[in-house]
């Protein structure tokens, strides 16, 4: 399997597309109209939120401060975050806090299943923090959650968004053996930005994981963000690499820094450019390209499985 790489000159600010000025001297970018949306909530929003709290569960919608949480909770959907709320890594784009982790909760699979059943989910999305402290990275726990959900919702489809398990093929096969319908692992950005954006991860390792997922006969999915300092050509390169690895579903969305302490926003990409990303992926043969400013990995994820 061949992957394509292009060299990038990184400026002193640690990002591509940088003007060379001190990052502190640059004025903050004004959020464009296409990213502004009303924060409206209905009764379903509060009942979904209450259910999550009552079952002592976490969602990536809340913990990662997703801009689509109002919409998803209001429609009675949520993406479950398992393996705790503390991550062993410190990616510069992520709102989930790193720190000391707690032991696994053996009752979590049943609680996730109960929440999914109560919400009547037709497509269940499960993700996690990264747990490099566990021998299998939490793969066995993923399998337990998949099994619990399958037990109460046998007709529903299940999608998992997994960490890289530090490249462990044995850990990955624990998830594959549990037979989710979609296995997602986000590449996040171009490899040249990994040292600044996700220094504890490895671009080639992530591509290899996706290749293994595809080779096993499963649906492989991945996603990336734009606005981290990449060029459009680098976005196309990542899409090519994901296609070569066997991904049939690729998502592309706008990076929005959770705070001033996170990785600096480099640009706002226009909706028209997002359409060009999608058109390029489809021209390669990618079956599903979901590319728009507010797209996130699990946003309307069930549409692809249908």
Protein backbone atom coordinates (compact mmCIF):
# COMPACT_ATOMS: atom_id res chain seq x y z
CA UNK A 1 0.00 0.00 0.00
CA UNK A 2 1.49 3.36 -1.03
CA UNK A 3 0.80 6.65 0.68
CA UNK A 4 1.59 10.09 -0.69
CA UNK A 5 3.50 12.69 1.27
CA UNK A 6 4.47 16.27 0.51
CA UNK A 7 7.09 18.26 2.37
CA UNK A 8 5.92 21.37 4.24
CA UNK A 9 8.09 24.20 5.50
CA UNK A 10 6.92 25.03 9.01
CA UNK A 11 7.36 28.66 10.00
CA UNK A 12 8.62 29.77 13.38
CA UNK A 13 5.07 29.92 14.76
CA UNK A 14 4.77 26.16 14.27
CA UNK A 15 2.08 26.28 11.59
CA UNK A 16 1.89 26.17 7.82
CA UNK A 17 0.31 29.20 6.12
CA UNK A 18 1.79 31.44 8.82
CA UNK A 19 2.76 34.97 7.82
CA UNK A 20 5.95 34.85 9.86
CA UNK A 21 4.63 37.37 12.37
CA UNK A 22 4.56 36.61 16.04
CA UNK A 23 1.30 34.72 16.66
CA UNK A 24 0.55 37.10 19.55
CA UNK A 25 0.60 40.06 17.16
CA UNK A 26 -2.06 38.62 14.87
CA UNK A 27 -5.58 39.87 15.35
CA UNK A 28 -8.16 37.20 16.21
CA UNK A 29 -10.23 36.08 13.25
CA UNK A 30 -13.87 37.10 13.25
CA UNK A 31 -16.28 34.18 13.08
CA UNK A 32 -18.12 34.20 9.74
CA UNK A 33 -21.89 34.11 9.42
CA UNK A 34 -22.01 30.51 8.22
CA UNK A 35 -20.69 29.29 11.58
CA UNK A 36 -23.15 31.21 13.72
CA UNK A 37 -26.24 29.33 14.78
CA UNK A 38 -29.00 30.00 17.34
CA UNK A 39 -28.66 28.24 20.69
CA UNK A 40 -32.21 26.97 20.94
CA UNK A 41 -33.28 24.12 23.21
CA UNK A 42 -36.50 22.14 23.47
CA UNK A 43 -37.89 19.68 26.00
CA UNK A 44 -36.02 16.85 24.32
CA UNK A 45 -32.71 18.66 24.89
CA UNK A 46 -33.29 18.75 28.64
CA UNK A 47 -34.59 15.19 28.83
CA UNK A 48 -31.54 13.90 26.92
CA UNK A 49 -29.21 15.87 29.15
CA UNK A 50 -31.00 14.62 32.27
CA UNK A 51 -30.82 11.01 31.11
CA UNK A 52 -27.07 11.27 30.58
CA UNK A 53 -26.63 12.81 34.03
CA UNK A 54 -28.91 10.28 35.75
CA UNK A 55 -26.97 7.36 34.27
CA UNK A 56 -23.65 9.01 35.17
CA UNK A 57 -22.43 8.89 31.58
CA UNK A 58 -20.25 11.20 29.52
CA UNK A 59 -20.79 12.40 25.97
CA UNK A 60 -18.27 13.84 23.57
CA UNK A 61 -20.98 16.37 22.73
CA UNK A 62 -20.55 17.98 26.15
CA UNK A 63 -16.97 17.13 27.12
CA UNK A 64 -15.53 18.26 23.77
CA UNK A 65 -17.80 21.32 23.65
CA UNK A 66 -19.23 20.35 20.26
CA UNK A 67 -21.04 23.17 18.44
CA UNK A 68 -23.79 20.73 17.41
CA UNK A 69 -24.77 19.64 20.94
CA UNK A 70 -27.93 21.76 21.04
CA UNK A 71 -29.17 20.25 17.79
CA UNK A 72 -28.25 16.66 18.61
CA UNK A 73 -29.56 16.62 22.19
CA UNK A 74 -32.73 18.36 20.97
CA UNK A 75 -33.29 15.56 18.47
CA UNK A 76 -32.68 12.90 21.10
CA UNK A 77 -29.21 11.77 20.03
CA UNK A 78 -25.80 11.81 21.69
CA UNK A 79 -22.33 10.34 21.17
CA UNK A 80 -21.28 8.35 24.21
CA UNK A 81 -17.80 8.90 25.65
CA UNK A 82 -16.51 5.81 27.45
CA UNK A 83 -13.38 4.89 29.45
CA UNK A 84 -13.84 7.93 31.71
CA UNK A 85 -13.56 11.65 31.08
CA UNK A 86 -9.80 12.04 31.50
CA UNK A 87 -7.36 11.44 28.64
CA UNK A 88 -3.76 10.22 28.82
CA UNK A 89 -2.82 12.45 25.88
CA UNK A 90 -2.80 16.19 25.43
CA UNK A 91 -3.77 17.02 21.86
CA UNK A 92 -3.65 20.77 21.33
CA UNK A 93 -7.04 20.97 19.61
CA UNK A 94 -9.09 18.94 22.09
CA UNK A 95 -11.24 20.17 24.99
CA UNK A 96 -11.07 16.88 26.90
CA UNK A 97 -8.67 17.31 29.78
CA UNK A 98 -5.56 15.16 30.28
CA UNK A 99 -4.61 13.92 33.71
CA UNK A 100 -4.75 10.99 36.09
CA UNK A 101 -7.26 8.37 34.99
CA UNK A 102 -9.59 6.25 37.10
CA UNK A 103 -10.12 2.46 36.94
CA UNK A 104 -12.59 1.20 34.36
CA UNK A 105 -16.23 1.11 35.43
CA UNK A 106 -17.55 -2.44 34.81
CA UNK A 107 -21.15 -1.18 34.84
CA UNK A 108 -20.58 1.42 32.11
CA UNK A 109 -21.50 -0.90 29.21
CA UNK A 110 -24.92 -1.59 30.71
CA UNK A 111 -25.56 2.09 31.40
CA UNK A 112 -24.63 3.06 27.85
CA UNK A 113 -26.98 0.36 26.56
CA UNK A 114 -29.79 1.61 28.77
CA UNK A 115 -29.31 5.19 27.55
CA UNK A 116 -29.28 4.11 23.91
CA UNK A 117 -32.41 2.01 24.45
CA UNK A 118 -34.24 4.79 26.29
CA UNK A 119 -33.43 7.26 23.51
CA UNK A 120 -34.50 4.70 20.92
CA UNK A 121 -31.36 5.22 18.86
CA UNK A 122 -31.31 3.65 15.40
CA UNK A 123 -27.60 4.39 15.07
CA UNK A 124 -25.43 4.35 18.20
CA UNK A 125 -22.08 6.16 18.18
CA UNK A 126 -19.51 5.33 20.86
CA UNK A 127 -16.15 7.01 21.31
CA UNK A 128 -13.64 7.33 24.12
CA UNK A 129 -10.76 9.17 25.64
CA UNK A 130 -7.34 7.68 24.90
CA UNK A 131 -6.18 5.30 27.62
CA UNK A 132 -2.52 4.55 27.03
CA UNK A 133 -2.36 3.41 30.66
CA UNK A 134 -4.40 0.27 29.93
CA UNK A 135 -2.73 -2.86 28.50
CA UNK A 136 -5.15 -3.00 25.56
CA UNK A 137 -5.90 0.72 25.41
CA UNK A 138 -9.50 0.01 26.42
CA UNK A 139 -10.27 -2.20 23.41
CA UNK A 140 -11.87 -4.89 25.56
CA UNK A 141 -14.11 -2.30 27.17
CA UNK A 142 -15.18 -1.08 23.73
CA UNK A 143 -16.13 -4.67 22.89
CA UNK A 144 -18.15 -4.96 26.10
CA UNK A 145 -20.07 -1.76 25.33
CA UNK A 146 -20.77 -2.91 21.77
CA UNK A 147 -22.07 -6.23 23.11
CA UNK A 148 -24.29 -4.58 25.71
CA UNK A 149 -25.83 -2.20 23.17
CA UNK A 150 -26.33 -5.00 20.65
CA UNK A 151 -28.14 -6.98 23.34
CA UNK A 152 -30.87 -4.36 23.84
CA UNK A 153 -30.94 -2.86 20.33
CA UNK A 154 -30.29 -5.77 17.94
CA UNK A 155 -31.70 -3.89 14.93
CA UNK A 156 -29.69 -0.72 15.47
CA UNK A 157 -26.37 -0.02 13.81
CA UNK A 158 -23.30 0.71 15.93
CA UNK A 159 -20.37 2.97 15.09
CA UNK A 160 -17.23 3.27 17.19
CA UNK A 161 -14.69 6.08 17.06
CA UNK A 162 -11.55 4.51 18.49
CA UNK A 163 -8.08 5.70 19.53
CA UNK A 164 -4.98 4.26 17.86
CA UNK A 165 -4.30 1.68 20.64
CA UNK A 166 -0.63 2.61 20.15
CA UNK A 167 -0.60 0.55 16.98
CA UNK A 168 -1.57 -2.73 18.67
CA UNK A 169 -3.12 -5.07 16.11
CA UNK A 170 -4.27 -7.38 18.91
CA UNK A 171 -6.21 -4.56 20.57
CA UNK A 172 -7.80 -3.52 17.29
CA UNK A 173 -8.98 -7.05 16.62
CA UNK A 174 -10.84 -7.06 19.94
CA UNK A 175 -12.97 -4.25 18.56
CA UNK A 176 -13.29 -5.86 15.14
CA UNK A 177 -14.41 -9.15 16.74
CA UNK A 178 -17.27 -7.33 18.50
CA UNK A 179 -18.67 -6.55 15.00
CA UNK A 180 -19.59 -2.88 15.04
CA UNK A 181 -21.07 -1.65 11.76
CA UNK A 182 -18.57 1.20 11.31
CA UNK A 183 -15.07 1.65 12.73
CA UNK A 184 -13.90 5.25 12.77
CA UNK A 185 -10.47 6.59 13.64
CA UNK A 186 -9.79 10.25 12.96
CA UNK A 187 -6.57 11.25 11.21
CA UNK A 188 -7.31 14.87 12.34
CA UNK A 189 -4.77 16.79 10.22
CA UNK A 190 -1.84 16.63 7.81
CA UNK A 191 1.17 14.71 9.11
CA UNK A 192 3.42 17.80 8.99
CA UNK A 193 1.32 19.41 11.75
CA UNK A 194 1.34 16.41 14.09
CA UNK A 195 4.23 17.68 16.22
CA UNK A 196 2.29 20.87 16.98
CA UNK A 197 -1.25 19.49 17.08
CA UNK A 198 -1.11 15.88 18.31
CA UNK A 199 2.49 15.12 19.28
CA UNK A 200 1.69 11.80 20.98
CA UNK A 201 0.16 10.33 17.82
CA UNK A 202 1.64 9.04 14.58
CA UNK A 203 0.14 9.75 11.14
CA UNK A 204 1.41 6.56 9.52
CA UNK A 205 0.26 4.49 12.49
CA UNK A 206 -3.25 5.89 12.14
CA UNK A 207 -3.28 5.11 8.41
CA UNK A 208 -2.15 1.56 9.14
CA UNK A 209 -4.99 1.12 11.64
CA UNK A 210 -7.50 2.23 9.01
CA UNK A 211 -5.92 -0.08 6.43
CA UNK A 212 -6.32 -3.00 8.84
CA UNK A 213 -9.96 -2.09 9.45
CA UNK A 214 -10.63 -2.06 5.72
CA UNK A 215 -8.68 -5.28 5.15
CA UNK A 216 -10.84 -7.02 7.76
CA UNK A 217 -13.95 -6.29 5.70
CA UNK A 218 -15.28 -3.57 7.97
CA UNK A 219 -16.40 -0.08 6.99
CA UNK A 220 -13.46 2.25 7.65
CA UNK A 221 -14.19 5.90 8.42
CA UNK A 222 -11.97 8.85 9.26
CA UNK A 223 -12.08 12.62 9.54
CA UNK A 224 -9.97 15.73 9.64
CA UNK A 225 -10.23 19.37 10.66
CA UNK A 226 -9.19 22.43 8.69
CA UNK A 227 -7.96 25.73 10.04
CA UNK A 228 -5.05 24.29 12.00
CA UNK A 229 -2.41 25.65 9.65
CA UNK A 230 -2.68 23.30 6.68
CA UNK A 231 -2.93 24.26 3.01
CA UNK A 232 -5.72 23.11 0.71
CA UNK A 233 -3.25 20.90 -1.14
CA UNK A 234 -2.42 19.19 2.15
CA UNK A 235 -6.11 18.57 2.75
CA UNK A 236 -6.28 16.88 -0.66
CA UNK A 237 -3.20 14.85 0.25
CA UNK A 238 -4.82 13.60 3.46
CA UNK A 239 -7.98 12.67 1.55
CA UNK A 240 -5.82 10.73 -0.93
CA UNK A 241 -4.07 8.90 1.89
CA UNK A 242 -7.38 8.00 3.56
CA UNK A 243 -8.79 6.75 0.26
CA UNK A 244 -5.67 4.63 -0.32
CA UNK A 245 -6.03 3.19 3.19
CA UNK A 246 -9.57 2.07 2.35
CA UNK A 247 -11.80 4.66 3.98
CA UNK A 248 -15.25 4.73 2.41
CA UNK A 249 -16.47 7.55 4.70
CA UNK A 250 -14.49 10.76 5.22
CA UNK A 251 -15.58 13.82 7.18
CA UNK A 252 -14.05 17.30 6.95
CA UNK A 253 -15.00 20.10 9.34
CA UNK A 254 -13.86 23.49 10.58
CA UNK A 255 -11.54 23.59 13.58
CA UNK A 256 -12.88 25.84 16.34
CA UNK A 257 -10.49 26.38 19.27
CA UNK A 258 -12.18 25.52 22.58
CA UNK A 259 -10.19 28.26 24.34
CA UNK A 260 -7.28 30.69 23.90
CA UNK A 261 -4.98 28.07 25.41
CA UNK A 262 -5.64 25.60 22.60
CA UNK A 263 -3.96 25.46 19.18
CA UNK A 264 -4.35 28.76 17.37
CA UNK A 265 -6.95 29.06 14.60
CA UNK A 266 -5.23 29.72 11.27
CA UNK A 267 -8.21 30.37 8.98
CA UNK A 268 -11.92 29.98 8.39
CA UNK A 269 -12.58 27.83 5.33
CA UNK A 270 -15.51 28.85 3.14
CA UNK A 271 -18.47 26.53 2.46
CA UNK A 272 -17.50 26.59 -1.22
CA UNK A 273 -14.05 25.22 -0.41
CA UNK A 274 -15.61 22.48 1.71
CA UNK A 275 -17.66 21.51 -1.34
CA UNK A 276 -14.44 21.29 -3.34
CA UNK A 277 -12.94 18.94 -0.74
CA UNK A 278 -16.02 16.73 -1.09
CA UNK A 279 -15.90 16.80 -4.87
CA UNK A 280 -12.23 15.85 -4.83
CA UNK A 281 -12.82 12.88 -2.54
CA UNK A 282 -15.70 11.65 -4.69
CA UNK A 283 -13.54 11.98 -7.81
CA UNK A 284 -11.10 9.54 -6.20
CA UNK A 285 -13.90 7.08 -5.48
CA UNK A 286 -14.62 7.81 -1.81
CA UNK A 287 -18.18 6.59 -1.32
CA UNK A 288 -19.27 9.16 1.26
CA UNK A 289 -17.71 12.63 1.68
CA UNK A 290 -19.32 14.70 4.44
CA UNK A 291 -17.58 18.08 4.20
CA UNK A 292 -18.98 21.31 5.66
CA UNK A 293 -17.98 23.88 8.31
CA UNK A 294 -19.94 22.34 11.20
CA UNK A 295 -19.35 18.70 10.30
CA UNK A 296 -18.03 16.53 13.10
CA UNK A 297 -17.27 12.80 13.12
CA UNK A 298 -20.57 11.70 14.61
CA UNK A 299 -22.78 14.45 13.20
CA UNK A 300 -25.67 12.76 11.33
CA UNK A 301 -23.46 9.67 11.27
CA UNK A 302 -26.39 7.29 10.75
CA UNK A 303 -27.13 8.78 7.32
CA UNK A 304 -24.11 7.01 5.83
CA UNK A 305 -25.06 3.58 7.16
CA UNK A 306 -28.56 3.91 5.67
